[in-house]
N, C-alpha and C. Protein backbone atom coordinates (compact mmCIF):
# COMPACT_ATOMS: atom_id res chain seq x y z
N UNK A 1 -95.07 -25.32 -60.02
CA UNK A 1 -94.49 -23.96 -59.47
C UNK A 1 -95.07 -24.40 -57.84
N UNK A 2 -96.15 -24.18 -57.69
CA UNK A 2 -96.85 -24.02 -56.30
C UNK A 2 -96.65 -25.20 -55.37
N UNK A 3 -96.54 -26.22 -56.11
CA UNK A 3 -96.17 -27.21 -54.81
C UNK A 3 -94.84 -26.79 -54.85
N UNK A 4 -93.80 -26.67 -55.25
CA UNK A 4 -92.57 -26.60 -55.18
C UNK A 4 -92.25 -25.81 -54.21
N UNK A 5 -93.30 -24.63 -53.72
CA UNK A 5 -93.12 -23.43 -52.91
C UNK A 5 -93.42 -24.15 -51.65
N UNK A 6 -94.59 -24.81 -51.66
CA UNK A 6 -95.30 -25.68 -50.50
C UNK A 6 -94.52 -26.60 -49.79
N UNK A 7 -93.54 -27.18 -50.62
CA UNK A 7 -93.25 -28.35 -50.11
C UNK A 7 -92.42 -28.17 -49.05
N UNK A 8 -91.28 -27.01 -49.16
CA UNK A 8 -90.13 -26.85 -48.17
C UNK A 8 -90.89 -26.31 -47.12
N UNK A 9 -91.95 -25.39 -47.58
CA UNK A 9 -92.59 -24.78 -46.16
C UNK A 9 -93.64 -26.05 -45.43
N UNK A 10 -93.74 -27.04 -45.71
CA UNK A 10 -94.10 -28.60 -44.91
C UNK A 10 -92.89 -29.03 -44.14
N UNK A 11 -91.96 -28.89 -44.97
CA UNK A 11 -90.95 -29.78 -43.91
C UNK A 11 -90.25 -28.94 -43.19
N UNK A 12 -90.07 -27.33 -43.55
CA UNK A 12 -90.08 -26.46 -42.30
C UNK A 12 -90.71 -26.91 -41.16
N UNK A 13 -92.25 -26.50 -41.03
CA UNK A 13 -93.26 -26.86 -40.15
C UNK A 13 -93.12 -28.02 -39.62
N UNK A 14 -92.66 -29.14 -39.96
CA UNK A 14 -92.26 -30.50 -39.18
C UNK A 14 -91.18 -30.66 -38.55
N UNK A 15 -90.00 -29.70 -39.11
CA UNK A 15 -88.84 -29.64 -38.29
C UNK A 15 -89.39 -28.89 -36.76
N UNK A 16 -89.98 -27.77 -37.31
CA UNK A 16 -89.99 -27.05 -36.50
C UNK A 16 -91.17 -27.50 -34.75
N UNK A 17 -91.83 -28.53 -35.36
CA UNK A 17 -92.96 -29.12 -34.75
C UNK A 17 -92.22 -29.98 -33.72
N UNK A 18 -91.16 -30.67 -34.40
CA UNK A 18 -89.82 -31.49 -33.42
C UNK A 18 -89.57 -30.97 -32.09
N UNK A 19 -89.19 -29.64 -32.16
CA UNK A 19 -88.54 -28.73 -31.15
C UNK A 19 -89.68 -28.71 -29.89
N UNK A 20 -90.67 -28.19 -30.69
CA UNK A 20 -91.64 -27.96 -29.67
C UNK A 20 -91.82 -28.69 -28.64
N UNK A 21 -91.63 -30.17 -28.49
CA UNK A 21 -91.84 -30.84 -27.62
C UNK A 21 -91.08 -30.62 -26.17
N UNK A 22 -91.68 -30.86 -25.16
CA UNK A 22 -91.06 -30.41 -23.84
C UNK A 22 -89.77 -31.50 -23.49
N UNK A 23 -88.54 -31.32 -23.34
CA UNK A 23 -87.53 -32.13 -23.17
C UNK A 23 -87.92 -32.97 -21.69
N UNK A 24 -87.31 -33.65 -21.16
CA UNK A 24 -88.13 -34.63 -19.99
C UNK A 24 -86.61 -34.44 -19.11
N UNK A 25 -87.14 -33.97 -18.06
CA UNK A 25 -85.97 -33.77 -17.16
C UNK A 25 -85.23 -34.92 -16.47
N UNK A 26 -84.24 -34.66 -16.42
CA UNK A 26 -83.25 -35.54 -16.03
C UNK A 26 -83.70 -36.71 -14.75
N UNK A 27 -83.59 -37.65 -14.53
CA UNK A 27 -83.60 -38.40 -13.65
C UNK A 27 -82.47 -38.56 -12.57
N UNK A 28 -83.16 -38.13 -11.27
CA UNK A 28 -82.08 -38.30 -10.22
C UNK A 28 -82.32 -39.18 -9.25
N UNK A 29 -81.34 -40.20 -9.07
CA UNK A 29 -81.67 -41.23 -8.38
C UNK A 29 -80.68 -41.02 -7.02
N UNK A 30 -81.31 -41.08 -5.87
CA UNK A 30 -80.62 -41.19 -4.79
C UNK A 30 -80.40 -42.57 -3.99
N UNK A 31 -79.13 -42.86 -3.79
CA UNK A 31 -78.77 -44.37 -3.21
C UNK A 31 -77.78 -44.67 -2.35
N UNK A 32 -77.77 -45.19 -1.25
CA UNK A 32 -76.59 -45.14 -0.25
C UNK A 32 -75.74 -46.42 -0.66
N UNK A 33 -74.61 -45.97 -0.90
CA UNK A 33 -74.09 -47.35 -0.75
C UNK A 33 -72.58 -47.47 0.80
N UNK A 34 -72.15 -48.39 0.97
CA UNK A 34 -71.09 -48.65 2.05
C UNK A 34 -69.66 -48.93 1.40
N UNK A 35 -68.80 -47.94 1.52
CA UNK A 35 -67.47 -48.00 1.40
C UNK A 35 -66.66 -48.23 2.39
N UNK A 36 -65.89 -49.37 2.45
CA UNK A 36 -65.03 -49.42 4.01
C UNK A 36 -63.62 -48.75 3.38
N UNK A 37 -63.74 -47.99 4.30
CA UNK A 37 -62.33 -46.83 4.22
C UNK A 37 -61.11 -47.24 5.35
N UNK A 38 -59.98 -47.83 5.25
CA UNK A 38 -58.71 -47.57 6.43
C UNK A 38 -59.03 -46.68 7.15
N UNK A 39 -59.10 -46.54 8.63
CA UNK A 39 -58.76 -45.62 9.50
C UNK A 39 -57.57 -45.84 10.45
N UNK A 40 -56.94 -44.62 10.67
CA UNK A 40 -55.95 -44.67 11.53
C UNK A 40 -56.41 -45.42 12.58
N UNK A 41 -55.84 -46.00 13.47
CA UNK A 41 -56.21 -45.70 15.20
C UNK A 41 -54.76 -45.93 15.63
N UNK A 42 -55.05 -45.36 17.00
CA UNK A 42 -54.06 -45.47 17.98
C UNK A 42 -53.67 -46.88 18.50
N UNK A 43 -52.13 -47.36 18.60
CA UNK A 43 -52.23 -48.73 18.83
C UNK A 43 -51.67 -48.68 20.32
N UNK A 44 -51.17 -47.34 20.80
CA UNK A 44 -50.51 -47.46 22.09
C UNK A 44 -51.50 -46.18 22.66
N UNK A 45 -51.68 -46.37 24.08
CA UNK A 45 -52.29 -45.78 24.77
C UNK A 45 -51.50 -44.16 25.35
N UNK A 46 -51.92 -42.94 25.25
CA UNK A 46 -51.33 -41.86 25.47
C UNK A 46 -50.33 -42.12 26.89
N UNK A 47 -51.42 -42.44 27.52
CA UNK A 47 -50.77 -42.50 29.23
C UNK A 47 -49.76 -43.69 29.29
N UNK A 48 -49.52 -44.77 28.32
CA UNK A 48 -48.32 -45.52 28.48
C UNK A 48 -47.03 -45.14 27.91
N UNK A 49 -47.35 -43.67 27.49
CA UNK A 49 -45.94 -43.37 26.47
C UNK A 49 -45.38 -42.89 27.59
N UNK A 50 -43.56 -43.47 28.06
CA UNK A 50 -42.83 -43.13 28.91
C UNK A 50 -42.66 -41.40 28.81
N UNK A 51 -42.55 -40.85 29.94
CA UNK A 51 -42.29 -39.85 30.17
C UNK A 51 -40.70 -39.50 29.80
N UNK A 52 -40.19 -38.36 29.50
CA UNK A 52 -38.95 -38.20 29.13
C UNK A 52 -38.07 -37.61 30.36
N UNK A 53 -37.08 -38.39 30.52
CA UNK A 53 -36.30 -38.19 31.80
C UNK A 53 -36.05 -37.23 31.98
N UNK A 54 -35.52 -36.91 33.58
CA UNK A 54 -35.08 -35.59 34.04
C UNK A 54 -33.42 -34.69 32.98
N UNK A 55 -33.41 -33.82 32.99
CA UNK A 55 -31.81 -33.55 32.20
C UNK A 55 -31.08 -33.42 33.52
N UNK A 56 -29.69 -33.78 33.24
CA UNK A 56 -28.89 -33.49 34.04
C UNK A 56 -27.75 -32.60 33.83
N UNK A 57 -28.12 -31.72 32.87
CA UNK A 57 -27.20 -30.92 32.21
C UNK A 57 -26.69 -29.63 33.43
N UNK A 58 -28.00 -29.03 34.07
CA UNK A 58 -27.37 -28.57 35.26
C UNK A 58 -26.15 -29.11 36.21
N UNK A 59 -26.76 -29.93 36.47
CA UNK A 59 -25.70 -30.91 37.53
C UNK A 59 -24.40 -31.02 37.25
N UNK A 60 -23.90 -30.75 35.87
CA UNK A 60 -22.63 -30.82 35.62
C UNK A 60 -21.87 -30.15 36.25
N UNK A 61 -20.41 -30.35 36.53
CA UNK A 61 -19.33 -29.10 37.02
C UNK A 61 -18.11 -29.05 36.33
N UNK A 62 -18.20 -29.73 35.20
CA UNK A 62 -16.73 -29.77 34.36
C UNK A 62 -15.83 -30.67 35.14
N UNK A 63 -15.85 -31.48 36.01
CA UNK A 63 -15.13 -32.43 36.81
C UNK A 63 -15.43 -33.71 36.58
N UNK A 64 -14.65 -34.37 35.95
CA UNK A 64 -14.82 -35.53 35.40
C UNK A 64 -15.55 -36.67 36.23
N UNK A 65 -14.87 -36.64 37.40
CA UNK A 65 -14.99 -37.61 38.95
C UNK A 65 -16.50 -37.29 39.04
N UNK A 66 -16.64 -35.97 39.28
CA UNK A 66 -17.84 -35.59 39.57
C UNK A 66 -19.06 -35.67 39.02
N UNK A 67 -19.02 -35.58 37.47
CA UNK A 67 -19.82 -35.53 36.45
C UNK A 67 -20.47 -36.97 36.03
N UNK A 68 -19.44 -38.01 36.23
CA UNK A 68 -19.73 -39.40 35.91
C UNK A 68 -21.20 -40.18 36.35
N UNK A 69 -21.32 -39.93 37.71
CA UNK A 69 -22.58 -40.27 38.53
C UNK A 69 -23.64 -39.84 38.01
N UNK A 70 -23.69 -38.11 37.98
CA UNK A 70 -25.24 -37.63 36.93
C UNK A 70 -25.58 -38.45 35.68
N UNK A 71 -24.28 -38.47 34.85
CA UNK A 71 -24.45 -38.95 33.57
C UNK A 71 -24.82 -40.24 33.63
N UNK A 72 -24.27 -41.32 34.56
CA UNK A 72 -24.55 -42.73 34.49
C UNK A 72 -25.93 -42.81 35.03
N UNK A 73 -26.37 -42.09 36.16
CA UNK A 73 -28.04 -42.33 36.40
C UNK A 73 -28.77 -41.78 35.12
N UNK A 74 -28.24 -40.59 34.36
CA UNK A 74 -29.25 -40.21 33.07
C UNK A 74 -28.90 -41.64 31.95
N UNK A 75 -28.48 -42.16 32.27
CA UNK A 75 -28.04 -42.85 31.01
C UNK A 75 -28.74 -43.89 31.54
N UNK A 76 -29.17 -44.93 32.75
CA UNK A 76 -29.92 -45.69 33.09
C UNK A 76 -31.09 -45.26 32.92
N UNK A 77 -31.58 -44.34 33.49
CA UNK A 77 -33.20 -43.55 33.06
C UNK A 77 -33.49 -43.57 31.66
N UNK A 78 -32.59 -43.19 30.78
CA UNK A 78 -33.00 -42.99 29.31
C UNK A 78 -32.89 -44.59 28.82
N UNK A 79 -31.99 -45.54 29.08
CA UNK A 79 -31.85 -46.85 28.49
C UNK A 79 -33.55 -47.47 29.05
N UNK A 80 -34.21 -47.39 30.17
CA UNK A 80 -35.38 -47.75 30.70
C UNK A 80 -36.32 -47.15 30.07
N UNK A 81 -36.44 -45.77 29.79
CA UNK A 81 -37.38 -45.36 28.91
C UNK A 81 -37.77 -45.63 27.33
N UNK A 82 -36.08 -45.99 26.70
CA UNK A 82 -36.16 -46.33 25.49
C UNK A 82 -36.42 -47.77 25.49
N UNK A 83 -36.36 -48.36 26.36
CA UNK A 83 -36.80 -50.24 26.24
C UNK A 83 -38.42 -49.99 26.72
N UNK A 84 -39.20 -49.33 27.49
CA UNK A 84 -40.52 -49.18 27.43
C UNK A 84 -41.06 -48.89 26.13
N UNK A 85 -40.34 -47.67 25.43
CA UNK A 85 -40.82 -47.23 24.33
C UNK A 85 -40.73 -48.56 23.19
N UNK A 86 -39.53 -49.23 23.22
CA UNK A 86 -39.62 -50.19 21.92
C UNK A 86 -40.83 -51.13 22.37
N UNK A 87 -40.69 -51.83 23.48
CA UNK A 87 -42.03 -52.60 23.89
C UNK A 87 -43.43 -52.29 23.73
N UNK A 88 -43.40 -51.23 23.75
CA UNK A 88 -45.32 -50.43 23.39
C UNK A 88 -45.12 -50.53 21.78
N UNK A 89 -44.29 -50.15 21.14
CA UNK A 89 -44.26 -50.01 19.77
C UNK A 89 -43.84 -51.55 19.02
N UNK A 90 -43.43 -52.53 19.80
CA UNK A 90 -43.74 -53.73 19.21
C UNK A 90 -45.18 -54.37 18.93
N UNK A 91 -45.68 -53.90 19.54
CA UNK A 91 -47.20 -54.32 19.37
C UNK A 91 -47.68 -53.51 18.35
N UNK A 92 -47.52 -52.02 18.06
CA UNK A 92 -47.82 -51.71 16.62
C UNK A 92 -47.21 -52.52 15.70
N UNK A 93 -46.18 -52.57 15.57
CA UNK A 93 -45.42 -53.09 14.15
C UNK A 93 -46.36 -54.35 13.80
N UNK A 94 -46.13 -54.38 12.39
CA UNK A 94 -46.59 -55.91 11.14
C UNK A 94 -45.99 -56.76 11.84
N UNK A 95 -46.54 -57.66 11.99
CA UNK A 95 -45.79 -59.15 11.76
C UNK A 95 -44.93 -59.66 10.64
C-alpha cells in the first residue's frame, strides 16, 4: 500500500519538474528585403499645361452681329488650348 501512495507522488514530482524549465525566448530575425512598388510619376511638366483662355462673357452685348467676333476669337483660343493639351496627353497614354 505504501508503494501505491508513493508512486503517484513520484509522477507528480516529475510532471512539475518539467514545468520548472525556463522557456526559450523567441528568436527575432531582422532582415532587409527589396520590394519593387510602382510609383505614379507625372508625365507632363506642369509649366507645359496650357492656361485657360480668357472668358468673353463680359464682352457680349446681346447683338448677334457684334457677339460673333468675340465668340469666334474665344473659339479659336479654346481649340488651340485643347490641341496643345491633347498633344501633351498623347505622350502619357499607353501605346
